[in-house]
């Protein structure tokens, strides 16, 4: 082990099947950025969060009733 050189990694060449160098050059010149858009307005987001809050409240009250009946049974 000491004094020996480790073998080098093998080299390979890969040519993509659907590669168009001209298209890539054009894309690099006019850098395209990802645009993010909101789907919900703030008003609809608040309404949706209110609905989930009411569902969660109903679920908690239901579980309290069910577990209180188990204790008295």
Protein backbone atom coordinates (compact mmCIF):
# COMPACT_ATOMS: atom_id res chain seq x y z
CA UNK A 1 0.00 0.00 0.00
CA UNK A 2 2.69 2.50 0.89
CA UNK A 3 4.56 3.82 -2.08
CA UNK A 4 1.95 2.74 -4.62
CA UNK A 5 0.00 5.23 -6.62
CA UNK A 6 -3.76 5.03 -6.67
CA UNK A 7 -5.31 4.36 -10.06
CA UNK A 8 -6.83 7.37 -11.78
CA UNK A 9 -10.50 7.58 -12.55
CA UNK A 10 -11.54 6.43 -16.00
CA UNK A 11 -12.42 9.11 -18.50
CA UNK A 12 -15.45 8.95 -20.69
CA UNK A 13 -17.23 11.18 -23.14
CA UNK A 14 -20.99 11.60 -23.26
CA UNK A 15 -22.85 13.18 -26.14
CA UNK A 16 -26.47 14.03 -25.27
CA UNK A 17 -28.99 12.83 -27.82
CA UNK A 18 -31.13 15.98 -27.90
CA UNK A 19 -28.47 18.65 -27.44
CA UNK A 20 -28.65 21.78 -29.57
CA UNK A 21 -25.61 24.01 -28.98
CA UNK A 22 -27.13 26.93 -30.91
CA UNK A 23 -30.23 26.92 -28.73
CA UNK A 24 -28.15 26.84 -25.55
CA UNK A 25 -26.03 29.75 -26.76
CA UNK A 26 -29.17 31.83 -27.37
CA UNK A 27 -30.54 30.97 -23.93
CA UNK A 28 -27.31 32.04 -22.27
CA UNK A 29 -27.36 35.42 -23.99
CA UNK A 30 -30.89 36.28 -22.85
CA UNK A 31 -30.85 34.79 -19.36
CA UNK A 32 -34.34 33.54 -18.59
CA UNK A 33 -35.39 33.63 -14.97
CA UNK A 34 -38.08 31.66 -13.25
CA UNK A 35 -41.12 33.79 -12.48
CA UNK A 36 -43.15 32.98 -9.39
CA UNK A 37 -46.78 33.93 -9.15
CA UNK A 38 -49.18 33.80 -6.25
CA UNK A 39 -52.30 31.82 -6.95
CA UNK A 40 -54.22 33.12 -3.96
CA UNK A 41 -54.83 36.68 -2.98
CA UNK A 42 -54.40 37.59 0.64
CA UNK A 43 -58.13 37.81 1.15
CA UNK A 44 -58.77 34.27 -0.09
CA UNK A 45 -55.79 32.98 1.89
CA UNK A 46 -57.25 34.49 5.08
CA UNK A 47 -60.66 33.00 4.34
CA UNK A 48 -59.10 29.60 3.72
CA UNK A 49 -57.10 29.77 6.96
CA UNK A 50 -60.28 30.74 8.83
CA UNK A 51 -62.06 27.68 7.44
CA UNK A 52 -59.21 25.41 8.56
CA UNK A 53 -59.24 27.05 11.99
CA UNK A 54 -62.96 26.35 12.38
CA UNK A 55 -62.50 22.73 11.27
CA UNK A 56 -59.68 22.28 13.78
CA UNK A 57 -61.77 23.85 16.55
CA UNK A 58 -64.69 21.53 15.76
CA UNK A 59 -62.35 18.53 15.80
CA UNK A 60 -60.90 19.47 19.20
CA UNK A 61 -64.38 19.98 20.73
CA UNK A 62 -65.51 16.63 19.28
CA UNK A 63 -62.49 14.82 20.72
CA UNK A 64 -63.03 16.41 24.14
CA UNK A 65 -66.66 15.23 24.15
CA UNK A 66 -65.73 11.71 23.04
CA UNK A 67 -62.95 11.35 25.61
CA UNK A 68 -65.11 12.75 28.41
CA UNK A 69 -67.74 10.09 27.66
CA UNK A 70 -65.07 7.38 27.84
CA UNK A 71 -64.09 8.48 31.35
CA UNK A 72 -67.63 8.36 32.73
CA UNK A 73 -68.64 5.06 31.06
